[in-house]
Amino acid sequence: MQKGFNSDIVVKGTSFHIQTEDWGEKNPFIVTRVFAGGAVKATIKTPYANLMNEFAARSEMAIKNALRRQHADTIDNLVSGKIQI
C-alpha cells in the first residue's frame, strides 16, 4: 500500500481539500475525495486495472505514479470546471 497525497486549494472563492489514497491489494482501488466545508463533494474510485497495464499492476512505482496522476488530474479537473461542485 502506498502513501497518498493531500492538497488544499481555493477555486472561485471556495476552499477544497483533495485526498488521494491507495486502498491496497485486497481492495485494489485508488480513491480520490474532494472535500469542501468538511463534507465529501466528489469521489473518484478507480480500479488498479484501469490505471496500469497487467504487468505493472502490482508494482509499487506504478501504483505511486497512478496515485500522483489521479490526484493531479482531479485538481486540474476541479480548477477547469470539469468537476462541478
C-alpha atoms as a PDB file:
ATOM      1  CA  MET A   1       0.000   0.000   0.000  1.00  0.00           C
ATOM      2  CA  GLN A   2       1.342   3.412  -0.995  1.00  0.00           C
ATOM      3  CA  LYS A   3       1.014   6.636   0.956  1.00  0.00           C
ATOM      4  CA  GLY A   4      -1.361   9.053  -0.660  1.00  0.00           C
ATOM      5  CA  PHE A   5      -1.490  12.744  -1.439  1.00  0.00           C
ATOM      6  CA  ASN A   6      -3.310  15.687   0.150  1.00  0.00           C
ATOM      7  CA  SER A   7      -3.755  19.178  -1.271  1.00  0.00           C
ATOM      8  CA  ASP A   8      -5.639  22.290  -0.246  1.00  0.00           C
ATOM      9  CA  ILE A   9      -6.725  24.694  -2.984  1.00  0.00           C
ATOM     10  CA  VAL A  10      -9.151  27.568  -3.467  1.00  0.00           C
ATOM     11  CA  VAL A  11     -11.324  27.644  -6.583  1.00  0.00           C
ATOM     12  CA  LYS A  12     -13.617  30.609  -7.206  1.00  0.00           C
ATOM     13  CA  GLY A  13     -13.520  31.531  -3.520  1.00  0.00           C
ATOM     14  CA  THR A  14     -14.270  28.018  -2.211  1.00  0.00           C
ATOM     15  CA  SER A  15     -11.644  26.074  -0.236  1.00  0.00           C
ATOM     16  CA  PHE A  16     -11.221  22.429  -1.178  1.00  0.00           C
ATOM     17  CA  HIS A  17      -9.207  19.608   0.319  1.00  0.00           C
ATOM     18  CA  ILE A  18      -8.265  16.840  -2.127  1.00  0.00           C
ATOM     19  CA  GLN A  19      -7.183  13.472  -0.722  1.00  0.00           C
ATOM     20  CA  THR A  20      -5.968  10.551  -2.833  1.00  0.00           C
ATOM     21  CA  GLU A  21      -5.198   7.151  -1.317  1.00  0.00           C
ATOM     22  CA  ASP A  22      -4.347   3.589  -2.247  1.00  0.00           C
ATOM     23  CA  TRP A  23      -6.721   1.045  -0.745  1.00  0.00           C
ATOM     24  CA  GLY A  24      -4.187  -1.786  -1.126  1.00  0.00           C
ATOM     25  CA  GLU A  25      -4.016  -5.155  -2.858  1.00  0.00           C
ATOM     26  CA  LYS A  26      -7.006  -6.645  -1.012  1.00  0.00           C
ATOM     27  CA  ASN A  27      -9.148  -3.743  -2.212  1.00  0.00           C
ATOM     28  CA  PRO A  28      -7.241  -2.643  -5.360  1.00  0.00           C
ATOM     29  CA  PHE A  29      -8.537   0.865  -5.896  1.00  0.00           C
ATOM     30  CA  ILE A  30      -7.093   4.343  -5.952  1.00  0.00           C
ATOM     31  CA  VAL A  31      -9.623   6.710  -4.415  1.00  0.00           C
ATOM     32  CA  THR A  32      -9.686  10.498  -4.543  1.00  0.00           C
ATOM     33  CA  ARG A  33     -12.102  12.533  -2.485  1.00  0.00           C
ATOM     34  CA  VAL A  34     -12.820  16.228  -2.819  1.00  0.00           C
ATOM     35  CA  PHE A  35     -13.928  17.907   0.416  1.00  0.00           C
ATOM     36  CA  ALA A  36     -15.461  21.346   0.944  1.00  0.00           C
ATOM     37  CA  GLY A  37     -16.723  22.580   4.283  1.00  0.00           C
ATOM     38  CA  GLY A  38     -15.846  19.207   5.842  1.00  0.00           C
ATOM     39  CA  ALA A  39     -18.175  17.272   3.516  1.00  0.00           C
ATOM     40  CA  VAL A  40     -17.271  14.944   0.670  1.00  0.00           C
ATOM     41  CA  LYS A  41     -18.326  16.692  -2.535  1.00  0.00           C
ATOM     42  CA  ALA A  42     -16.897  14.229  -5.075  1.00  0.00           C
ATOM     43  CA  THR A  43     -15.331  10.766  -5.091  1.00  0.00           C
ATOM     44  CA  ILE A  44     -13.261   9.231  -7.869  1.00  0.00           C
ATOM     45  CA  LYS A  45     -12.688   5.499  -7.350  1.00  0.00           C
ATOM     46  CA  THR A  46     -10.540   3.788  -9.964  1.00  0.00           C
ATOM     47  CA  PRO A  47      -9.557   0.094 -10.032  1.00  0.00           C
ATOM     48  CA  TYR A  48      -5.860  -0.653 -10.457  1.00  0.00           C
ATOM     49  CA  ALA A  49      -6.683  -2.412 -13.747  1.00  0.00           C
ATOM     50  CA  ASN A  50      -7.968   0.843 -15.264  1.00  0.00           C
ATOM     51  CA  LEU A  51      -4.789   2.731 -14.352  1.00  0.00           C
ATOM     52  CA  MET A  52      -1.987   0.336 -15.175  1.00  0.00           C
ATOM     53  CA  ASN A  53      -1.207  -2.451 -17.577  1.00  0.00           C
ATOM     54  CA  GLU A  54      -1.377  -6.006 -16.248  1.00  0.00           C
ATOM     55  CA  PHE A  55       2.402  -6.274 -15.862  1.00  0.00           C
ATOM     56  CA  ALA A  56       2.705  -3.131 -13.734  1.00  0.00           C
ATOM     57  CA  ALA A  57      -0.425  -3.704 -11.640  1.00  0.00           C
ATOM     58  CA  ARG A  58       1.485  -4.845  -8.577  1.00  0.00           C
ATOM     59  CA  SER A  59       4.497  -2.595  -8.966  1.00  0.00           C
ATOM     60  CA  GLU A  60       4.869  -0.100  -6.133  1.00  0.00           C
ATOM     61  CA  MET A  61       6.248   2.524  -8.522  1.00  0.00           C
ATOM     62  CA  ALA A  62       3.316   2.033 -10.926  1.00  0.00           C
ATOM     63  CA  ILE A  63       0.835   2.490  -8.063  1.00  0.00           C
ATOM     64  CA  LYS A  64       2.658   5.588  -6.790  1.00  0.00           C
ATOM     65  CA  ASN A  65       2.631   7.078 -10.311  1.00  0.00           C
ATOM     66  CA  ALA A  66      -1.081   6.276 -10.706  1.00  0.00           C
ATOM     67  CA  LEU A  67      -1.804   7.931  -7.340  1.00  0.00           C
ATOM     68  CA  ARG A  68       0.101  11.045  -8.369  1.00  0.00           C
ATOM     69  CA  ARG A  69      -1.587  11.159 -11.791  1.00  0.00           C
ATOM     70  CA  GLN A  70      -5.141  10.738 -10.416  1.00  0.00           C
ATOM     71  CA  HIS A  71      -4.502  13.365  -7.723  1.00  0.00           C
ATOM     72  CA  ALA A  72      -3.135  15.891 -10.253  1.00  0.00           C
ATOM     73  CA  ASP A  73      -5.918  15.146 -12.763  1.00  0.00           C
ATOM     74  CA  THR A  74      -8.559  15.704 -10.077  1.00  0.00           C
ATOM     75  CA  ILE A  75      -7.067  19.080  -9.164  1.00  0.00           C
ATOM     76  CA  ASP A  76      -6.862  20.072 -12.839  1.00  0.00           C
ATOM     77  CA  ASN A  77     -10.480  18.987 -13.422  1.00  0.00           C
ATOM     78  CA  LEU A  78     -11.688  20.895 -10.364  1.00  0.00           C
ATOM     79  CA  VAL A  79      -9.874  24.083 -11.391  1.00  0.00           C
ATOM     80  CA  SER A  80     -11.039  23.827 -15.031  1.00  0.00           C
ATOM     81  CA  GLY A  81     -14.658  23.213 -14.032  1.00  0.00           C
ATOM     82  CA  LYS A  82     -14.831  19.643 -15.362  1.00  0.00           C
ATOM     83  CA  ILE A  83     -15.762  18.583 -11.819  1.00  0.00           C
ATOM     84  CA  GLN A  84     -18.887  20.561 -10.950  1.00  0.00           C
ATOM     85  CA  ILE A  85     -19.450  21.091  -7.256  1.00  0.00           C
END
